[in-house]
C-alpha cells in the first residue's frame, strides 16, 4: 500500500514540476514578445518625429511660396 502512495506522490510531484516549468516558459515567451513589441513602437515613434520635422519644414517653405505669390499678384 505504501508503494502505491509513493507512486502517486511521485506522479503528483512530477506533474506539478512539469506544470510549473510550462507556465514559466510561457511567461518568459510573453515577456520577450512584449519587449519586442515595445521596441518596435519606439522605432515607429522615432521615425514619426522625423516625419513631423520634415512636415514643419515643408509648411515653412509653402508659406514662403504663398507669400511670394501674393506679392506677385
Protein backbone atom coordinates (compact mmCIF):
# COMPACT_ATOMS: atom_id res chain seq x y z
CA UNK A 1 0.00 0.00 0.00
CA UNK A 2 2.86 2.37 0.80
CA UNK A 3 4.29 1.77 -2.65
CA UNK A 4 1.03 2.96 -4.24
CA UNK A 5 1.04 6.15 -2.12
CA UNK A 6 4.70 6.67 -3.01
CA UNK A 7 3.99 6.24 -6.72
CA UNK A 8 1.01 8.60 -6.54
CA UNK A 9 3.10 11.15 -4.64
CA UNK A 10 5.94 10.97 -7.14
CA UNK A 11 3.45 11.28 -10.02
CA UNK A 12 1.85 14.33 -8.40
CA UNK A 13 5.28 15.89 -7.78
CA UNK A 14 6.44 15.32 -11.36
CA UNK A 15 3.15 16.66 -12.73
CA UNK A 16 3.47 19.78 -10.57
CA UNK A 17 7.07 20.39 -11.64
CA UNK A 18 6.21 19.98 -15.31
CA UNK A 19 3.24 22.34 -14.94
CA UNK A 20 5.36 24.99 -13.24
CA UNK A 21 8.03 24.71 -15.94
CA UNK A 22 5.45 25.09 -18.72
CA UNK A 23 3.88 28.14 -17.04
CA UNK A 24 7.27 29.79 -16.54
CA UNK A 25 8.31 29.17 -20.14
CA UNK A 26 5.02 30.72 -21.29
CA UNK A 27 5.59 33.76 -19.08
CA UNK A 28 9.10 34.18 -20.47
CA UNK A 29 7.87 33.97 -24.06
CA UNK A 30 5.13 36.54 -23.37
CA UNK A 31 7.64 38.90 -21.70
CA UNK A 32 10.04 38.66 -24.64
CA UNK A 33 7.20 39.33 -27.08
CA UNK A 34 6.14 42.39 -25.06
CA UNK A 35 9.70 43.74 -25.10
CA UNK A 36 9.98 43.23 -28.84
CA UNK A 37 6.64 44.96 -29.37
CA UNK A 38 7.71 47.93 -27.23
CA UNK A 39 10.96 48.20 -29.18
CA UNK A 40 9.01 48.33 -32.44
CA UNK A 41 6.76 51.06 -31.01
CA UNK A 42 9.85 53.08 -30.06
CA UNK A 43 11.20 52.76 -33.61
CA UNK A 44 7.88 53.87 -35.09
CA UNK A 45 7.70 56.83 -32.69
CA UNK A 46 11.21 57.98 -33.55
CA UNK A 47 10.52 57.77 -37.27
CA UNK A 48 7.31 59.74 -36.69
CA UNK A 49 9.29 62.53 -35.07
CA UNK A 50 11.48 62.76 -38.16
CA UNK A 51 8.42 62.96 -40.38
CA UNK A 52 6.96 65.67 -38.15
CA UNK A 53 10.15 67.73 -38.53
CA UNK A 54 10.07 67.35 -42.33
CA UNK A 55 6.42 68.40 -42.44
CA UNK A 56 7.30 71.51 -40.45
CA UNK A 57 9.98 72.40 -42.99
CA UNK A 58 7.55 71.85 -45.86
CA UNK A 59 4.97 74.09 -44.19
CA UNK A 60 7.57 76.85 -43.82
CA UNK A 61 8.55 76.57 -47.48
CA UNK A 62 4.92 76.56 -48.59
CA UNK A 63 4.21 79.67 -46.52
CA UNK A 64 7.18 81.40 -48.18
CA UNK A 65 5.94 80.43 -51.65
CA UNK A 66 2.42 81.69 -50.84
CA UNK A 67 3.89 84.98 -49.63
CA UNK A 68 5.84 85.38 -52.87
CA UNK A 69 2.76 84.55 -54.97
CA UNK A 70 0.66 87.12 -53.09
CA UNK A 71 3.26 89.82 -53.68
CA UNK A 72 3.40 88.96 -57.39
CA UNK A 73 -0.37 89.32 -57.82
